[in-house]
Structure formats: structure tokens, C-alpha cells
Amino acid sequence: MKQKTLILIIIAVFCGCLAGCTVEPVKLEATPVSFVEVIAHPERHSGESIAVKGVLREEVGGYCLYYSRLSAKYSNPLDGIWLGDLSDIATPEELEAWDTWYVEVIGIADYQEQGPDGAYSSGIRVNKVDKLEQINKVNYENPLGEDIVFE
């Protein structure tokens, strides 16, 4: 009887160890940071994992994140956060579908990553990009509600 009890205890401990040794998926822990915070004070979060929302736009040499679709239309580097090449993050089809769309970018803030010719105030070494749902439906009856045309 003692031998059976001992064997059951050993089996229970062994199973408990196996249950505790499971591998869990890696979660990307990121601090939500406002777009304006990254632009205005790029050094504050440098080296930290952050999450920033904005409009993704393909630029010469890579991608950039802008505050709004209107800002993205005019592609002013002072209004953007440099993301660089995203080919390791998403497929070309996804990137094409996400171009000029609202996304959330998760990555490591790097104020020294300023894109081509140092034109951008800050950059993010991107780990993940998620497309967000459309915030407002287009209202063609109201001129202020018209969609922005990218050329």
C-alpha cells in the first residue's frame, strides 16, 4: 500500500512538473505612447518597446507613420515617424493593403533612426504592425468628410 502511494506521489509530481514546463507564446509587451509624444520628445522613450497608432505610408526607401491621412498625403518628414523596411514584418500584399491606412505599430523606439538623409525626427524598429478598423465612414455629402485622394 505504501509503495502504491509513493508511486502515485511520484507520478503526480512528475505530471505537475510537465504542466509547469509548458512553453507559452511570446507576448509583445509595449507601452502605448501618443504619436505626438514620439514626435515632440523622441529621446524620452528611446530603447523602450512602444505601441503607436497612425497612418502607414510607403515612402522612398521604406515606410513611415503619420498622424493622420491628411498628413500622410503631403508626406512631410517632420510630421512622420520613420519605420524603415517592413518586408520582414508583412507580405507585400499586406503592405499594399495597409498603405495609407490606420495601423498600430509595436517596436523599439529609436530617436537616432531618422530615415534617409536624417529627415525624420525619430524612428521605430518595428516588431509588429496591426491594421485597425476604419475610424470614420466617408461622408460624401459633407465636403469635410470626403476621403483623401493619394496621387
C-alpha atoms as a PDB file:
ATOM      1  CA  MET A   1       0.000   0.000   0.000  1.00  0.00           C
ATOM      2  CA  LYS A   2       2.808   2.407   0.862  1.00  0.00           C
ATOM      3  CA  GLN A   3       4.526   1.533  -2.384  1.00  0.00           C
ATOM      4  CA  LYS A   4       1.398   2.415  -4.439  1.00  0.00           C
ATOM      5  CA  THR A   5       1.038   5.703  -2.576  1.00  0.00           C
ATOM      6  CA  LEU A   6       4.687   6.539  -3.205  1.00  0.00           C
ATOM      7  CA  ILE A   7       4.339   5.735  -6.912  1.00  0.00           C
ATOM      8  CA  LEU A   8       1.193   7.905  -7.161  1.00  0.00           C
ATOM      9  CA  ILE A   9       3.000  10.801  -5.469  1.00  0.00           C
ATOM     10  CA  ILE A  10       5.951  10.475  -7.862  1.00  0.00           C
ATOM     11  CA  ILE A  11       3.594  10.405 -10.861  1.00  0.00           C
ATOM     12  CA  ALA A  12       1.690  13.437  -9.548  1.00  0.00           C
ATOM     13  CA  VAL A  13       4.922  15.402  -9.008  1.00  0.00           C
ATOM     14  CA  PHE A  14       6.181  14.404 -12.464  1.00  0.00           C
ATOM     15  CA  CYS A  15       2.907  15.473 -14.120  1.00  0.00           C
ATOM     16  CA  GLY A  16       2.977  18.729 -12.166  1.00  0.00           C
ATOM     17  CA  CYS A  17       6.477  19.433 -13.451  1.00  0.00           C
ATOM     18  CA  LEU A  18       5.393  18.733 -17.015  1.00  0.00           C
ATOM     19  CA  ALA A  19       2.393  21.028 -16.667  1.00  0.00           C
ATOM     20  CA  GLY A  20       4.596  23.799 -15.280  1.00  0.00           C
ATOM     21  CA  CYS A  21       7.157  23.411 -18.063  1.00  0.00           C
ATOM     22  CA  THR A  22       4.871  24.261 -20.964  1.00  0.00           C
ATOM     23  CA  VAL A  23       6.092  26.836 -23.467  1.00  0.00           C
ATOM     24  CA  GLU A  24       3.860  29.866 -23.782  1.00  0.00           C
ATOM     25  CA  PRO A  25       3.790  32.115 -26.845  1.00  0.00           C
ATOM     26  CA  VAL A  26       5.885  35.265 -26.604  1.00  0.00           C
ATOM     27  CA  LYS A  27       3.775  38.331 -25.924  1.00  0.00           C
ATOM     28  CA  LEU A  28       4.951  41.707 -27.178  1.00  0.00           C
ATOM     29  CA  GLU A  29       4.659  43.955 -24.151  1.00  0.00           C
ATOM     30  CA  ALA A  30       4.582  47.551 -25.303  1.00  0.00           C
ATOM     31  CA  THR A  31       3.757  50.835 -23.648  1.00  0.00           C
ATOM     32  CA  PRO A  32       1.078  52.792 -25.543  1.00  0.00           C
ATOM     33  CA  VAL A  33       2.580  56.156 -26.466  1.00  0.00           C
ATOM     34  CA  SER A  34       0.863  59.000 -28.301  1.00  0.00           C
ATOM     35  CA  PHE A  35       2.088  59.845 -31.766  1.00  0.00           C
ATOM     36  CA  VAL A  36       2.694  63.458 -30.736  1.00  0.00           C
ATOM     37  CA  GLU A  37       4.816  62.333 -27.768  1.00  0.00           C
ATOM     38  CA  VAL A  38       7.145  60.406 -30.080  1.00  0.00           C
ATOM     39  CA  ILE A  39       7.473  63.366 -32.470  1.00  0.00           C
ATOM     40  CA  ALA A  40       7.877  66.065 -29.800  1.00  0.00           C
ATOM     41  CA  HIS A  41      10.185  64.147 -27.445  1.00  0.00           C
ATOM     42  CA  PRO A  42      11.835  61.319 -29.387  1.00  0.00           C
ATOM     43  CA  GLU A  43      14.530  60.718 -26.764  1.00  0.00           C
ATOM     44  CA  ARG A  44      12.065  60.043 -23.899  1.00  0.00           C
ATOM     45  CA  HIS A  45      11.137  56.529 -24.999  1.00  0.00           C
ATOM     46  CA  SER A  46      14.242  55.604 -26.973  1.00  0.00           C
ATOM     47  CA  GLY A  47      15.130  51.959 -26.352  1.00  0.00           C
ATOM     48  CA  GLU A  48      11.657  51.145 -24.960  1.00  0.00           C
ATOM     49  CA  SER A  49       9.063  48.865 -26.515  1.00  0.00           C
ATOM     50  CA  ILE A  50       6.201  51.148 -27.533  1.00  0.00           C
ATOM     51  CA  ALA A  51       2.871  50.957 -29.372  1.00  0.00           C
ATOM     52  CA  VAL A  52       1.926  53.914 -31.596  1.00  0.00           C
ATOM     53  CA  LYS A  53      -1.126  54.403 -33.820  1.00  0.00           C
ATOM     54  CA  GLY A  54      -1.088  56.316 -37.069  1.00  0.00           C
ATOM     55  CA  VAL A  55      -1.364  56.129 -40.849  1.00  0.00           C
ATOM     56  CA  LEU A  56       1.115  53.910 -42.652  1.00  0.00           C
ATOM     57  CA  ARG A  57       2.581  55.354 -45.849  1.00  0.00           C
ATOM     58  CA  GLU A  58       5.148  53.926 -48.220  1.00  0.00           C
ATOM     59  CA  GLU A  59       7.994  56.346 -48.841  1.00  0.00           C
ATOM     60  CA  VAL A  60      11.207  56.142 -50.827  1.00  0.00           C
ATOM     61  CA  GLY A  61      13.380  53.571 -49.067  1.00  0.00           C
ATOM     62  CA  GLY A  62      10.802  52.299 -46.594  1.00  0.00           C
ATOM     63  CA  TYR A  63       7.667  53.122 -44.638  1.00  0.00           C
ATOM     64  CA  CYS A  64       6.655  55.978 -42.398  1.00  0.00           C
ATOM     65  CA  LEU A  65       3.896  56.521 -39.821  1.00  0.00           C
ATOM     66  CA  TYR A  66       1.876  59.747 -39.924  1.00  0.00           C
ATOM     67  CA  TYR A  67      -0.616  61.268 -37.504  1.00  0.00           C
ATOM     68  CA  SER A  68      -3.490  61.479 -39.997  1.00  0.00           C
ATOM     69  CA  ARG A  69      -4.334  60.634 -43.602  1.00  0.00           C
ATOM     70  CA  LEU A  70      -4.077  64.326 -44.493  1.00  0.00           C
ATOM     71  CA  SER A  71      -0.591  64.476 -43.004  1.00  0.00           C
ATOM     72  CA  ALA A  72       0.327  61.279 -44.883  1.00  0.00           C
ATOM     73  CA  LYS A  73      -0.903  62.757 -48.161  1.00  0.00           C
ATOM     74  CA  TYR A  74       1.677  65.551 -48.010  1.00  0.00           C
ATOM     75  CA  SER A  75       4.489  63.298 -46.691  1.00  0.00           C
ATOM     76  CA  ASN A  76       6.258  65.923 -44.600  1.00  0.00           C
ATOM     77  CA  PRO A  77       9.115  64.109 -42.802  1.00  0.00           C
ATOM     78  CA  LEU A  78       8.763  66.437 -39.809  1.00  0.00           C
ATOM     79  CA  ASP A  79       5.249  65.012 -39.299  1.00  0.00           C
ATOM     80  CA  GLY A  80       6.326  61.385 -39.572  1.00  0.00           C
ATOM     81  CA  ILE A  81       7.996  58.569 -37.671  1.00  0.00           C
ATOM     82  CA  TRP A  82      10.422  56.525 -39.749  1.00  0.00           C
ATOM     83  CA  LEU A  83       9.730  52.757 -39.772  1.00  0.00           C
ATOM     84  CA  GLY A  84      12.101  51.624 -42.500  1.00  0.00           C
ATOM     85  CA  ASP A  85      11.805  48.375 -44.428  1.00  0.00           C
ATOM     86  CA  LEU A  86       8.836  46.266 -43.309  1.00  0.00           C
ATOM     87  CA  SER A  87       9.341  43.309 -45.652  1.00  0.00           C
ATOM     88  CA  ASP A  88      10.265  41.082 -42.667  1.00  0.00           C
ATOM     89  CA  ILE A  89       7.078  42.107 -40.833  1.00  0.00           C
ATOM     90  CA  ALA A  90       4.414  41.622 -43.513  1.00  0.00           C
ATOM     91  CA  THR A  91       3.900  40.296 -47.021  1.00  0.00           C
ATOM     92  CA  PRO A  92       3.973  42.690 -49.997  1.00  0.00           C
ATOM     93  CA  GLU A  93       0.212  42.157 -50.397  1.00  0.00           C
ATOM     94  CA  GLU A  94      -0.448  43.135 -46.772  1.00  0.00           C
ATOM     95  CA  LEU A  95       1.784  46.186 -47.041  1.00  0.00           C
ATOM     96  CA  GLU A  96      -0.001  47.296 -50.192  1.00  0.00           C
ATOM     97  CA  ALA A  97      -3.398  46.875 -48.488  1.00  0.00           C
ATOM     98  CA  TRP A  98      -2.198  48.749 -45.380  1.00  0.00           C
ATOM     99  CA  ASP A  99      -0.665  51.679 -47.290  1.00  0.00           C
ATOM    100  CA  THR A 100      -2.459  54.919 -46.252  1.00  0.00           C
ATOM    101  CA  TRP A 101      -4.482  53.026 -43.623  1.00  0.00           C
ATOM    102  CA  TYR A 102      -4.656  53.358 -39.833  1.00  0.00           C
ATOM    103  CA  VAL A 103      -2.360  50.864 -38.115  1.00  0.00           C
ATOM    104  CA  GLU A 104      -0.829  50.175 -34.744  1.00  0.00           C
ATOM    105  CA  VAL A 105       2.937  49.755 -34.771  1.00  0.00           C
ATOM    106  CA  ILE A 106       4.741  47.913 -31.986  1.00  0.00           C
ATOM    107  CA  GLY A 107       8.500  48.172 -31.786  1.00  0.00           C
ATOM    108  CA  ILE A 108      11.539  49.685 -30.130  1.00  0.00           C
ATOM    109  CA  ALA A 109      11.674  53.482 -30.214  1.00  0.00           C
ATOM    110  CA  ASP A 110      14.966  54.771 -31.599  1.00  0.00           C
ATOM    111  CA  TYR A 111      15.424  58.524 -31.826  1.00  0.00           C
ATOM    112  CA  GLN A 112      18.700  58.057 -33.724  1.00  0.00           C
ATOM    113  CA  GLU A 113      16.913  56.196 -36.554  1.00  0.00           C
ATOM    114  CA  GLN A 114      15.934  59.177 -38.670  1.00  0.00           C
ATOM    115  CA  GLY A 115      15.460  57.631 -42.084  1.00  0.00           C
ATOM    116  CA  PRO A 116      17.008  58.685 -45.371  1.00  0.00           C
ATOM    117  CA  ASP A 117      19.202  61.787 -45.042  1.00  0.00           C
ATOM    118  CA  GLY A 118      18.157  62.144 -41.368  1.00  0.00           C
ATOM    119  CA  ALA A 119      14.904  63.783 -42.480  1.00  0.00           C
ATOM    120  CA  TYR A 120      12.651  62.306 -39.753  1.00  0.00           C
ATOM    121  CA  SER A 121      12.682  63.294 -36.089  1.00  0.00           C
ATOM    122  CA  SER A 122      12.501  59.719 -34.820  1.00  0.00           C
ATOM    123  CA  GLY A 123      12.118  56.099 -35.778  1.00  0.00           C
ATOM    124  CA  ILE A 124      10.813  52.761 -34.574  1.00  0.00           C
ATOM    125  CA  ARG A 125      12.460  49.375 -35.102  1.00  0.00           C
ATOM    126  CA  VAL A 126       9.220  47.564 -35.885  1.00  0.00           C
ATOM    127  CA  ASN A 127       8.303  44.154 -34.435  1.00  0.00           C
ATOM    128  CA  LYS A 128       4.628  44.085 -35.412  1.00  0.00           C
ATOM    129  CA  VAL A 129       2.051  46.021 -37.446  1.00  0.00           C
ATOM    130  CA  ASP A 130      -1.711  45.596 -36.993  1.00  0.00           C
ATOM    131  CA  LYS A 131      -4.253  47.145 -39.353  1.00  0.00           C
ATOM    132  CA  LEU A 132      -7.008  48.940 -37.431  1.00  0.00           C
ATOM    133  CA  GLU A 133     -10.658  49.257 -38.324  1.00  0.00           C
ATOM    134  CA  GLN A 134     -11.773  52.350 -40.188  1.00  0.00           C
ATOM    135  CA  ILE A 135     -12.461  55.066 -37.636  1.00  0.00           C
ATOM    136  CA  ASN A 136     -14.991  57.157 -39.569  1.00  0.00           C
ATOM    137  CA  LYS A 137     -17.069  56.242 -42.572  1.00  0.00           C
ATOM    138  CA  VAL A 138     -16.639  58.536 -45.544  1.00  0.00           C
ATOM    139  CA  ASN A 139     -19.409  61.130 -45.849  1.00  0.00           C
ATOM    140  CA  TYR A 140     -19.541  62.355 -49.460  1.00  0.00           C
ATOM    141  CA  GLU A 141     -22.403  64.770 -48.765  1.00  0.00           C
ATOM    142  CA  ASN A 142     -20.187  66.833 -46.491  1.00  0.00           C
ATOM    143  CA  PRO A 143     -17.068  68.242 -48.212  1.00  0.00           C
ATOM    144  CA  LEU A 144     -15.123  67.980 -44.961  1.00  0.00           C
ATOM    145  CA  GLY A 145     -15.964  64.294 -44.773  1.00  0.00           C
ATOM    146  CA  GLU A 146     -14.613  63.367 -48.212  1.00  0.00           C
ATOM    147  CA  ASP A 147     -11.899  60.792 -48.424  1.00  0.00           C
ATOM    148  CA  ILE A 148      -8.369  61.988 -49.157  1.00  0.00           C
ATOM    149  CA  VAL A 149      -7.107  61.116 -52.621  1.00  0.00           C
ATOM    150  CA  PHE A 150      -3.481  59.942 -52.757  1.00  0.00           C
ATOM    151  CA  GLU A 151      -1.744  60.552 -56.072  1.00  0.00           C
END
